[in-house]
Every structure is written in structure tokens, then in C-alpha cells.
Amino acid sequence: MSPDAWFPGWPALGRTLLVGTAAYVTLVVVLRTTGKRTLAKLNAFDLVVTVALGSTLASVLTSSDVAWAQGALAFALLAALQYLLTWLSVRSGRVRRLVRSEPALLVHRGELLHARLRAERVIPAEVESAVRAAGLARVADARAVVLETDGSFSVQPATRPTVDDPGPSPP
């Protein structure tokens, strides 16, 4: 094993410190300029951009083959493409359908919809876990469970009929 694996030398550490700081500041500026949506995880494309930004930052920090200017351009490119895609999806139904998934109903009136579970590649245990996390004891206690476009589960408890009549009055 090369001794560089443990300590690459002061110049390499200095580069990481300087270029890393500059890359971080650049990323913050790009994110503040492009708005909250750039890091929103509303769908698969948003998640890909978030992961790509992190990967780009890691590459700039750790690879001497990637210059700060390349990283800054990559940050700007990813943010610009994300902006363009969201701008187009707001204005075009065709683009919106291409890049956005629809929420999927997995439980209806306490019953698992097995065909929908298979289509969404979700196992019953994942739904049961989401139901428990929502404070319900079992799937039958859920009016609906929806797989949202960001991959999270929304659980709507079953509504229990309320009794307005407390029963007979004491004598």
C-alpha cells in the first residue's frame, strides 16, 4: 500500500482545504440563486439533482483531476437543467407527465390493493410499517395509504363514527 493512502502531503491537503471551501461557497451561492426547488425531493428527478450536486462536490473536494472551475460549472449546469425541467413541466402537460409520477393508492378502506402493491413494487410489510409509524395498530385501521411521488407514504386513519348521543340519562 502506498504511503500516500494515509498522508498525501501538505500540498494535497492545502488544495482540498482551499478548493473545497471555494466549491462549498459556490454551491451555496448556486442553491440560493436557484431557489428551494433545486434541493426539493418532490420526485425522482429532484432527487437525482440533489445526489448529483453532492457527488460533484465530493469530486471537487477529493480529486485533484477536477478543478474548481469544472465543479462550479457542473453546479451551475445541474441547477440550470433542474430549473429548465421544472419550468417546462409547469407549462407543459406532456413534459409534466414525462417527469412526474402520480401518487398511488395502496390501501383503500383498510384493504391492501395487492395489484397496485405489485405495480409499485411495494411489499405489504412496508405498508404495515408506515401504518404503525402513523400511530395505527393495523392496516385495517387506515382509510387509505398513498405512495407519494417522492416515495414516502401518507396514511389517512379510518374515521370512526362519533356518537353524539351519550346514551340514556341517569334517573
N, C-alpha and C. Protein backbone atom coordinates (compact mmCIF):
# COMPACT_ATOMS: atom_id res chain seq x y z
N MET A 1 0.85 -1.17 0.00
CA MET A 1 0.00 0.00 0.00
C MET A 1 0.89 1.23 0.00
N SER A 2 0.49 2.18 -0.78
CA SER A 2 1.25 3.42 -0.91
C SER A 2 1.13 4.28 0.34
N PRO A 3 2.22 4.92 0.75
CA PRO A 3 2.14 5.83 1.90
C PRO A 3 1.20 7.00 1.64
N ASP A 4 0.98 7.34 0.34
CA ASP A 4 0.05 8.42 0.01
C ASP A 4 -1.39 8.10 0.41
N ALA A 5 -1.68 6.81 0.62
CA ALA A 5 -3.03 6.44 1.03
C ALA A 5 -3.34 7.00 2.42
N TRP A 6 -2.29 7.21 3.24
CA TRP A 6 -2.50 7.73 4.60
C TRP A 6 -2.26 9.22 4.71
N PHE A 7 -1.31 9.70 3.95
CA PHE A 7 -0.99 11.14 4.02
C PHE A 7 -0.43 11.57 2.67
N PRO A 8 -1.26 12.26 1.87
CA PRO A 8 -0.82 12.59 0.52
C PRO A 8 0.15 13.77 0.47
N GLY A 9 0.39 14.40 1.59
CA GLY A 9 1.30 15.55 1.63
C GLY A 9 0.53 16.83 1.87
N TRP A 10 1.26 17.84 2.35
CA TRP A 10 0.65 19.12 2.69
C TRP A 10 0.04 19.85 1.49
N PRO A 11 0.70 19.80 0.31
CA PRO A 11 0.08 20.49 -0.84
C PRO A 11 -1.30 19.91 -1.19
N ALA A 12 -1.45 18.61 -1.13
CA ALA A 12 -2.75 17.99 -1.44
C ALA A 12 -3.79 18.39 -0.40
N LEU A 13 -3.40 18.41 0.87
CA LEU A 13 -4.33 18.83 1.92
C LEU A 13 -4.69 20.30 1.77
N GLY A 14 -3.72 21.12 1.43
CA GLY A 14 -3.99 22.54 1.20
C GLY A 14 -4.96 22.75 0.04
N ARG A 15 -4.77 21.97 -1.03
CA ARG A 15 -5.68 22.06 -2.18
C ARG A 15 -7.09 21.70 -1.75
N THR A 16 -7.23 20.62 -1.00
CA THR A 16 -8.56 20.21 -0.53
C THR A 16 -9.20 21.31 0.31
N LEU A 17 -8.42 21.92 1.17
CA LEU A 17 -8.94 23.00 2.02
C LEU A 17 -9.38 24.20 1.20
N LEU A 18 -8.52 24.66 0.31
CA LEU A 18 -8.84 25.86 -0.46
C LEU A 18 -9.92 25.62 -1.51
N VAL A 19 -9.73 24.59 -2.32
CA VAL A 19 -10.70 24.32 -3.38
C VAL A 19 -12.02 23.85 -2.78
N GLY A 20 -11.95 23.09 -1.71
CA GLY A 20 -13.17 22.63 -1.04
C GLY A 20 -13.98 23.79 -0.49
N THR A 21 -13.32 24.74 0.12
CA THR A 21 -14.02 25.92 0.64
C THR A 21 -14.64 26.71 -0.51
N ALA A 22 -13.88 26.93 -1.56
CA ALA A 22 -14.41 27.67 -2.71
C ALA A 22 -15.58 26.92 -3.35
N ALA A 23 -15.47 25.61 -3.47
CA ALA A 23 -16.55 24.81 -4.07
C ALA A 23 -17.80 24.86 -3.19
N TYR A 24 -17.63 24.79 -1.89
CA TYR A 24 -18.77 24.85 -0.98
C TYR A 24 -19.47 26.20 -1.08
N VAL A 25 -18.71 27.27 -1.06
CA VAL A 25 -19.29 28.61 -1.18
C VAL A 25 -20.01 28.74 -2.52
N THR A 26 -19.42 28.23 -3.58
CA THR A 26 -20.05 28.27 -4.90
C THR A 26 -21.36 27.51 -4.90
N LEU A 27 -21.37 26.33 -4.30
CA LEU A 27 -22.59 25.54 -4.23
C LEU A 27 -23.68 26.28 -3.46
N VAL A 28 -23.33 26.89 -2.34
CA VAL A 28 -24.31 27.66 -1.56
C VAL A 28 -24.88 28.80 -2.40
N VAL A 29 -24.02 29.51 -3.11
CA VAL A 29 -24.48 30.62 -3.96
C VAL A 29 -25.42 30.10 -5.05
N VAL A 30 -25.05 29.00 -5.70
CA VAL A 30 -25.90 28.43 -6.75
C VAL A 30 -27.25 28.03 -6.18
N LEU A 31 -27.25 27.38 -5.03
CA LEU A 31 -28.51 26.94 -4.43
C LEU A 31 -29.37 28.12 -4.00
N ARG A 32 -28.76 29.14 -3.45
CA ARG A 32 -29.53 30.33 -3.04
C ARG A 32 -30.07 31.08 -4.26
N THR A 33 -29.33 31.06 -5.34
CA THR A 33 -29.75 31.75 -6.56
C THR A 33 -30.90 31.01 -7.24
N THR A 34 -30.86 29.69 -7.23
CA THR A 34 -31.86 28.91 -7.97
C THR A 34 -33.10 28.61 -7.15
N GLY A 35 -33.09 28.84 -5.87
CA GLY A 35 -34.30 28.67 -5.06
C GLY A 35 -34.40 27.31 -4.40
N LYS A 36 -35.44 27.19 -3.62
CA LYS A 36 -35.65 25.99 -2.80
C LYS A 36 -35.87 24.74 -3.62
N ARG A 37 -36.43 24.90 -4.78
CA ARG A 37 -36.81 23.74 -5.58
C ARG A 37 -35.62 22.89 -5.99
N THR A 38 -34.45 23.48 -6.10
CA THR A 38 -33.28 22.72 -6.54
C THR A 38 -32.98 21.56 -5.60
N LEU A 39 -33.23 21.72 -4.31
CA LEU A 39 -32.97 20.64 -3.37
C LEU A 39 -34.23 19.93 -2.89
N ALA A 40 -35.37 20.29 -3.45
CA ALA A 40 -36.60 19.61 -3.06
C ALA A 40 -36.57 18.18 -3.58
N LYS A 41 -37.09 17.28 -2.81
CA LYS A 41 -37.14 15.89 -3.25
C LYS A 41 -38.58 15.53 -3.55
N LEU A 42 -39.15 16.23 -4.52
CA LEU A 42 -40.55 16.03 -4.84
C LEU A 42 -40.76 14.88 -5.81
N ASN A 43 -39.74 14.52 -6.54
CA ASN A 43 -39.85 13.42 -7.49
C ASN A 43 -38.44 12.87 -7.76
N ALA A 44 -38.38 11.87 -8.62
CA ALA A 44 -37.10 11.21 -8.89
C ALA A 44 -36.08 12.16 -9.50
N PHE A 45 -36.50 13.06 -10.37
CA PHE A 45 -35.56 13.99 -11.00
C PHE A 45 -34.97 14.95 -9.97
N ASP A 46 -35.79 15.40 -9.03
CA ASP A 46 -35.28 16.28 -7.97
C ASP A 46 -34.24 15.55 -7.13
N LEU A 47 -34.51 14.29 -6.82
CA LEU A 47 -33.57 13.50 -6.03
C LEU A 47 -32.26 13.30 -6.79
N VAL A 48 -32.35 13.05 -8.08
CA VAL A 48 -31.14 12.85 -8.90
C VAL A 48 -30.28 14.11 -8.87
N VAL A 49 -30.89 15.28 -8.97
CA VAL A 49 -30.13 16.52 -8.94
C VAL A 49 -29.45 16.70 -7.59
N THR A 50 -30.16 16.40 -6.51
CA THR A 50 -29.57 16.52 -5.17
C THR A 50 -28.36 15.60 -5.02
N VAL A 51 -28.50 14.37 -5.45
CA VAL A 51 -27.39 13.41 -5.36
C VAL A 51 -26.24 13.84 -6.27
N ALA A 52 -26.56 14.32 -7.46
CA ALA A 52 -25.51 14.75 -8.40
C ALA A 52 -24.74 15.95 -7.85
N LEU A 53 -25.44 16.87 -7.21
CA LEU A 53 -24.75 18.02 -6.61
C LEU A 53 -23.78 17.54 -5.52
N GLY A 54 -24.23 16.63 -4.69
CA GLY A 54 -23.35 16.09 -3.65
C GLY A 54 -22.17 15.34 -4.23
N SER A 55 -22.41 14.57 -5.26
CA SER A 55 -21.33 13.83 -5.91
C SER A 55 -20.32 14.77 -6.55
N THR A 56 -20.82 15.83 -7.15
CA THR A 56 -19.93 16.83 -7.77
C THR A 56 -19.07 17.50 -6.71
N LEU A 57 -19.69 17.88 -5.61
CA LEU A 57 -18.92 18.49 -4.52
C LEU A 57 -17.84 17.53 -4.02
N ALA A 58 -18.19 16.27 -3.85
CA ALA A 58 -17.20 15.28 -3.39
C ALA A 58 -16.06 15.14 -4.39
N SER A 59 -16.38 15.15 -5.66
CA SER A 59 -15.33 15.03 -6.68
C SER A 59 -14.38 16.22 -6.64
N VAL A 60 -14.94 17.42 -6.51
CA VAL A 60 -14.10 18.61 -6.44
C VAL A 60 -13.22 18.58 -5.20
N LEU A 61 -13.79 18.10 -4.09
CA LEU A 61 -13.03 18.05 -2.84
C LEU A 61 -11.89 17.04 -2.86
N THR A 62 -12.14 15.88 -3.47
CA THR A 62 -11.19 14.78 -3.31
C THR A 62 -10.34 14.46 -4.52
N SER A 63 -10.68 15.00 -5.68
CA SER A 63 -9.92 14.65 -6.87
C SER A 63 -9.15 15.86 -7.38
N SER A 64 -7.85 15.71 -7.45
CA SER A 64 -7.03 16.81 -7.98
C SER A 64 -7.21 16.93 -9.50
N ASP A 65 -7.86 15.94 -10.11
CA ASP A 65 -8.13 15.99 -11.55
C ASP A 65 -9.33 16.88 -11.89
N VAL A 66 -10.09 17.28 -10.87
CA VAL A 66 -11.27 18.12 -11.09
C VAL A 66 -10.98 19.50 -10.53
N ALA A 67 -10.89 20.48 -11.40
CA ALA A 67 -10.61 21.85 -10.99
C ALA A 67 -11.87 22.51 -10.43
N TRP A 68 -11.65 23.54 -9.62
CA TRP A 68 -12.78 24.27 -9.05
C TRP A 68 -13.70 24.79 -10.14
N ALA A 69 -13.15 25.32 -11.23
CA ALA A 69 -13.97 25.87 -12.31
C ALA A 69 -14.87 24.80 -12.92
N GLN A 70 -14.36 23.58 -13.04
CA GLN A 70 -15.19 22.49 -13.56
C GLN A 70 -16.34 22.19 -12.60
N GLY A 71 -16.04 22.16 -11.32
CA GLY A 71 -17.07 21.92 -10.32
C GLY A 71 -18.12 23.02 -10.32
N ALA A 72 -17.67 24.27 -10.38
CA ALA A 72 -18.60 25.40 -10.39
C ALA A 72 -19.50 25.32 -11.63
N LEU A 73 -18.91 24.99 -12.78
CA LEU A 73 -19.71 24.85 -13.99
C LEU A 73 -20.71 23.69 -13.85
N ALA A 74 -20.27 22.59 -13.25
CA ALA A 74 -21.17 21.45 -13.05
C ALA A 74 -22.33 21.82 -12.13
N PHE A 75 -22.05 22.56 -11.04
CA PHE A 75 -23.12 23.01 -10.14
C PHE A 75 -24.13 23.86 -10.91
N ALA A 76 -23.61 24.83 -11.67
CA ALA A 76 -24.48 25.73 -12.43
C ALA A 76 -25.27 24.97 -13.49
N LEU A 77 -24.63 24.02 -14.15
CA LEU A 77 -25.31 23.23 -15.18
C LEU A 77 -26.45 22.41 -14.57
N LEU A 78 -26.18 21.72 -13.47
CA LEU A 78 -27.22 20.92 -12.83
C LEU A 78 -28.39 21.79 -12.37
N ALA A 79 -28.08 22.92 -11.77
CA ALA A 79 -29.14 23.81 -11.30
C ALA A 79 -29.93 24.38 -12.48
N ALA A 80 -29.25 24.74 -13.56
CA ALA A 80 -29.93 25.28 -14.73
C ALA A 80 -30.82 24.23 -15.39
N LEU A 81 -30.34 23.01 -15.51
CA LEU A 81 -31.15 21.95 -16.10
C LEU A 81 -32.37 21.65 -15.23
N GLN A 82 -32.18 21.65 -13.91
CA GLN A 82 -33.30 21.43 -12.99
C GLN A 82 -34.32 22.56 -13.15
N TYR A 83 -33.85 23.78 -13.22
CA TYR A 83 -34.74 24.93 -13.41
C TYR A 83 -35.51 24.80 -14.72
N LEU A 84 -34.81 24.47 -15.79
CA LEU A 84 -35.44 24.33 -17.10
C LEU A 84 -36.50 23.23 -17.08
N LEU A 85 -36.18 22.10 -16.50
CA LEU A 85 -37.13 20.99 -16.45
C LEU A 85 -38.37 21.36 -15.64
N THR A 86 -38.19 22.01 -14.50
CA THR A 86 -39.36 22.39 -13.71
C THR A 86 -40.15 23.49 -14.41
N TRP A 87 -39.47 24.42 -15.07
CA TRP A 87 -40.15 25.48 -15.81
C TRP A 87 -41.01 24.87 -16.92
N LEU A 88 -40.43 23.92 -17.64
CA LEU A 88 -41.17 23.25 -18.71
C LEU A 88 -42.33 22.43 -18.16
N SER A 89 -42.12 21.75 -17.05
CA SER A 89 -43.18 20.89 -16.51
C SER A 89 -44.36 21.70 -15.98
N VAL A 90 -44.11 22.92 -15.53
CA VAL A 90 -45.20 23.80 -15.09
C VAL A 90 -46.02 24.26 -16.30
N ARG A 91 -45.39 24.40 -17.44
CA ARG A 91 -46.06 24.96 -18.62
C ARG A 91 -46.55 23.93 -19.63
N SER A 92 -46.11 22.69 -19.49
CA SER A 92 -46.48 21.67 -20.47
C SER A 92 -46.94 20.40 -19.77
N GLY A 93 -48.18 20.02 -20.07
CA GLY A 93 -48.71 18.77 -19.51
C GLY A 93 -47.93 17.56 -19.98
N ARG A 94 -47.47 17.60 -21.22
CA ARG A 94 -46.70 16.47 -21.76
C ARG A 94 -45.39 16.29 -21.00
N VAL A 95 -44.68 17.39 -20.76
CA VAL A 95 -43.42 17.31 -20.00
C VAL A 95 -43.71 16.88 -18.57
N ARG A 96 -44.77 17.42 -17.98
CA ARG A 96 -45.13 17.08 -16.61
C ARG A 96 -45.39 15.58 -16.48
N ARG A 97 -46.14 15.01 -17.42
CA ARG A 97 -46.41 13.57 -17.38
C ARG A 97 -45.14 12.75 -17.57
N LEU A 98 -44.21 13.29 -18.35
CA LEU A 98 -42.96 12.58 -18.60
C LEU A 98 -42.08 12.51 -17.35
N VAL A 99 -42.04 13.58 -16.57
CA VAL A 99 -41.09 13.64 -15.46
C VAL A 99 -41.71 13.40 -14.08
N ARG A 100 -43.00 13.41 -13.98
CA ARG A 100 -43.64 13.25 -12.68
C ARG A 100 -44.40 11.94 -12.61
N SER A 101 -44.29 11.29 -11.49
CA SER A 101 -45.12 10.11 -11.26
C SER A 101 -46.38 10.57 -10.54
N GLU A 102 -47.38 9.75 -10.57
CA GLU A 102 -48.62 10.04 -9.87
C GLU A 102 -48.63 9.32 -8.53
N PRO A 103 -49.27 9.91 -7.53
CA PRO A 103 -49.43 9.17 -6.26
C PRO A 103 -50.21 7.89 -6.52
N ALA A 104 -49.93 6.85 -5.73
CA ALA A 104 -50.59 5.57 -5.93
C ALA A 104 -51.30 5.14 -4.65
N LEU A 105 -52.57 4.82 -4.77
CA LEU A 105 -53.36 4.34 -3.64
C LEU A 105 -53.02 2.88 -3.40
N LEU A 106 -52.52 2.57 -2.20
CA LEU A 106 -52.11 1.20 -1.86
C LEU A 106 -53.08 0.51 -0.92
N VAL A 107 -53.79 1.30 -0.12
CA VAL A 107 -54.78 0.76 0.81
C VAL A 107 -56.04 1.60 0.65
N HIS A 108 -57.16 0.92 0.53
CA HIS A 108 -58.45 1.61 0.43
C HIS A 108 -59.42 0.98 1.41
N ARG A 109 -59.92 1.81 2.34
CA ARG A 109 -60.84 1.34 3.38
C ARG A 109 -60.31 0.14 4.13
N GLY A 110 -59.04 0.22 4.49
CA GLY A 110 -58.42 -0.82 5.31
C GLY A 110 -57.99 -2.07 4.59
N GLU A 111 -58.13 -2.09 3.28
CA GLU A 111 -57.78 -3.28 2.48
C GLU A 111 -56.58 -2.98 1.60
N LEU A 112 -55.59 -3.86 1.65
CA LEU A 112 -54.43 -3.73 0.75
C LEU A 112 -54.88 -3.96 -0.69
N LEU A 113 -54.41 -3.13 -1.58
CA LEU A 113 -54.68 -3.29 -3.01
C LEU A 113 -53.48 -4.01 -3.63
N HIS A 114 -53.54 -5.32 -3.63
CA HIS A 114 -52.38 -6.14 -3.98
C HIS A 114 -51.86 -5.90 -5.40
N ALA A 115 -52.75 -5.69 -6.34
CA ALA A 115 -52.30 -5.43 -7.72
C ALA A 115 -51.49 -4.13 -7.76
N ARG A 116 -51.95 -3.12 -7.03
CA ARG A 116 -51.25 -1.83 -7.01
C ARG A 116 -49.91 -1.97 -6.28
N LEU A 117 -49.89 -2.77 -5.20
CA LEU A 117 -48.62 -3.02 -4.49
C LEU A 117 -47.60 -3.63 -5.45
N ARG A 118 -48.02 -4.62 -6.22
CA ARG A 118 -47.11 -5.26 -7.18
C ARG A 118 -46.65 -4.26 -8.24
N ALA A 119 -47.58 -3.46 -8.74
CA ALA A 119 -47.24 -2.49 -9.79
C ALA A 119 -46.23 -1.46 -9.29
N GLU A 120 -46.34 -1.09 -8.01
CA GLU A 120 -45.43 -0.09 -7.43
C GLU A 120 -44.21 -0.72 -6.76
N ARG A 121 -44.14 -2.05 -6.78
CA ARG A 121 -43.02 -2.80 -6.17
C ARG A 121 -42.88 -2.49 -4.68
N VAL A 122 -44.01 -2.56 -3.99
CA VAL A 122 -44.06 -2.33 -2.55
C VAL A 122 -44.56 -3.61 -1.91
N ILE A 123 -43.91 -4.03 -0.82
CA ILE A 123 -44.37 -5.23 -0.13
C ILE A 123 -45.29 -4.83 1.03
N PRO A 124 -46.21 -5.71 1.40
CA PRO A 124 -47.14 -5.39 2.49
C PRO A 124 -46.45 -4.96 3.78
N ALA A 125 -45.29 -5.52 4.07
CA ALA A 125 -44.58 -5.15 5.30
C ALA A 125 -44.20 -3.67 5.32
N GLU A 126 -43.89 -3.10 4.15
CA GLU A 126 -43.56 -1.67 4.08
C GLU A 126 -44.79 -0.81 4.39
N VAL A 127 -45.93 -1.23 3.90
CA VAL A 127 -47.17 -0.51 4.18
C VAL A 127 -47.51 -0.64 5.66
N GLU A 128 -47.36 -1.85 6.20
CA GLU A 128 -47.64 -2.07 7.62
C GLU A 128 -46.74 -1.19 8.49
N SER A 129 -45.50 -1.05 8.12
CA SER A 129 -44.57 -0.20 8.85
C SER A 129 -45.02 1.26 8.80
N ALA A 130 -45.44 1.72 7.64
CA ALA A 130 -45.92 3.11 7.50
C ALA A 130 -47.17 3.33 8.34
N VAL A 131 -48.03 2.34 8.38
CA VAL A 131 -49.25 2.44 9.18
C VAL A 131 -48.90 2.54 10.67
N ARG A 132 -47.97 1.72 11.12
CA ARG A 132 -47.53 1.78 12.53
C ARG A 132 -46.87 3.12 12.84
N ALA A 133 -46.06 3.62 11.90
CA ALA A 133 -45.39 4.91 12.11
C ALA A 133 -46.42 6.04 12.22
N ALA A 134 -47.59 5.86 11.62
CA ALA A 134 -48.66 6.86 11.70
C ALA A 134 -49.49 6.70 12.97
N GLY A 135 -49.12 5.72 13.81
CA GLY A 135 -49.81 5.55 15.09
C GLY A 135 -51.01 4.62 15.05
N LEU A 136 -51.13 3.88 13.97
CA LEU A 136 -52.23 2.93 13.87
C LEU A 136 -51.71 1.52 14.13
N ALA A 137 -52.58 0.67 14.64
CA ALA A 137 -52.16 -0.68 15.01
C ALA A 137 -52.07 -1.62 13.82
N ARG A 138 -52.97 -1.44 12.86
CA ARG A 138 -53.00 -2.39 11.74
C ARG A 138 -53.52 -1.70 10.49
N VAL A 139 -53.32 -2.33 9.37
CA VAL A 139 -53.73 -1.77 8.08
C VAL A 139 -55.24 -1.53 8.07
N ALA A 140 -56.01 -2.39 8.69
CA ALA A 140 -57.46 -2.24 8.71
C ALA A 140 -57.89 -0.93 9.37
N ASP A 141 -57.01 -0.33 10.17
CA ASP A 141 -57.32 0.94 10.83
C ASP A 141 -57.06 2.14 9.93
N ALA A 142 -56.59 1.90 8.72
CA ALA A 142 -56.29 3.00 7.79
C ALA A 142 -57.41 3.11 6.76
N ARG A 143 -57.86 4.32 6.57
CA ARG A 143 -58.83 4.57 5.50
C ARG A 143 -58.13 4.47 4.16
N ALA A 144 -56.89 5.02 4.10
CA ALA A 144 -56.12 4.99 2.86
C ALA A 144 -54.64 5.09 3.18
N VAL A 145 -53.82 4.47 2.35
CA VAL A 145 -52.38 4.65 2.36
C VAL A 145 -51.98 4.96 0.92
N VAL A 146 -51.26 6.06 0.76
CA VAL A 146 -50.86 6.52 -0.57
C VAL A 146 -49.35 6.53 -0.66
N LEU A 147 -48.81 5.98 -1.73
CA LEU A 147 -47.39 6.11 -2.04
C LEU A 147 -47.25 7.41 -2.81
N GLU A 148 -46.60 8.39 -2.18
CA GLU A 148 -46.48 9.72 -2.77
C GLU A 148 -45.42 9.75 -3.86
N THR A 149 -45.39 10.82 -4.61
CA THR A 149 -44.46 10.92 -5.74
C THR A 149 -43.00 10.95 -5.30
N ASP A 150 -42.74 11.30 -4.03
CA ASP A 150 -41.37 11.33 -3.54
C ASP A 150 -40.97 10.02 -2.87
N GLY A 151 -41.85 9.00 -2.92
CA GLY A 151 -41.53 7.70 -2.35
C GLY A 151 -41.97 7.54 -0.91
N SER A 152 -42.50 8.58 -0.30
CA SER A 152 -42.97 8.47 1.08
C SER A 152 -44.41 7.95 1.10
N PHE A 153 -44.84 7.51 2.27
CA PHE A 153 -46.20 7.03 2.44
C PHE A 153 -47.02 8.06 3.21
N SER A 154 -48.24 8.28 2.76
CA SER A 154 -49.20 9.09 3.51
C SER A 154 -50.27 8.13 4.01
N VAL A 155 -50.55 8.22 5.31
CA VAL A 155 -51.53 7.33 5.91
C VAL A 155 -52.67 8.18 6.43
N GLN A 156 -53.87 7.83 6.00
CA GLN A 156 -55.06 8.51 6.48
C GLN A 156 -55.84 7.53 7.36
N PRO A 157 -55.99 7.86 8.65
CA PRO A 157 -56.71 6.94 9.54
C PRO A 157 -58.17 6.80 9.13
N ALA A 158 -58.74 5.65 9.42
CA ALA A 158 -60.16 5.45 9.18
C ALA A 158 -60.93 6.35 10.13
N THR A 159 -62.00 6.91 9.66
CA THR A 159 -62.81 7.76 10.53
C THR A 159 -63.77 6.88 11.30
N ARG A 160 -63.79 7.08 12.56
CA ARG A 160 -64.70 6.33 13.41
C ARG A 160 -65.97 7.15 13.57
N PRO A 161 -67.11 6.51 13.46
CA PRO A 161 -68.33 7.28 13.68
C PRO A 161 -68.37 7.78 15.12
N THR A 162 -68.73 9.03 15.28
CA THR A 162 -68.83 9.58 16.63
C THR A 162 -70.27 9.46 17.09
N VAL A 163 -70.41 9.22 18.34
CA VAL A 163 -71.73 9.07 18.93
C VAL A 163 -72.05 10.35 19.66
N ASP A 164 -73.03 11.08 19.14
CA ASP A 164 -73.45 12.31 19.80
C ASP A 164 -74.35 12.01 20.98
N ASP A 165 -75.02 10.89 20.90
CA ASP A 165 -75.93 10.52 21.97
C ASP A 165 -75.18 9.73 23.02
N PRO A 166 -74.97 10.24 24.21
CA PRO A 166 -74.20 9.52 25.23
C PRO A 166 -74.96 8.36 25.84
N GLY A 167 -76.17 8.10 25.41
CA GLY A 167 -76.96 7.01 25.98
C GLY A 167 -78.03 7.56 26.90
N PRO A 168 -78.67 6.62 27.57
CA PRO A 168 -79.75 7.08 28.45
C PRO A 168 -79.22 7.90 29.61
N SER A 169 -80.03 8.87 30.03
CA SER A 169 -79.67 9.70 31.17
C SER A 169 -79.88 8.93 32.47
N PRO A 170 -79.00 9.20 33.42
CA PRO A 170 -79.24 8.53 34.70
C PRO A 170 -80.54 9.02 35.32
N PRO A 171 -81.26 8.13 36.10
CA PRO A 171 -82.54 8.51 36.69
C PRO A 171 -82.43 9.60 37.73
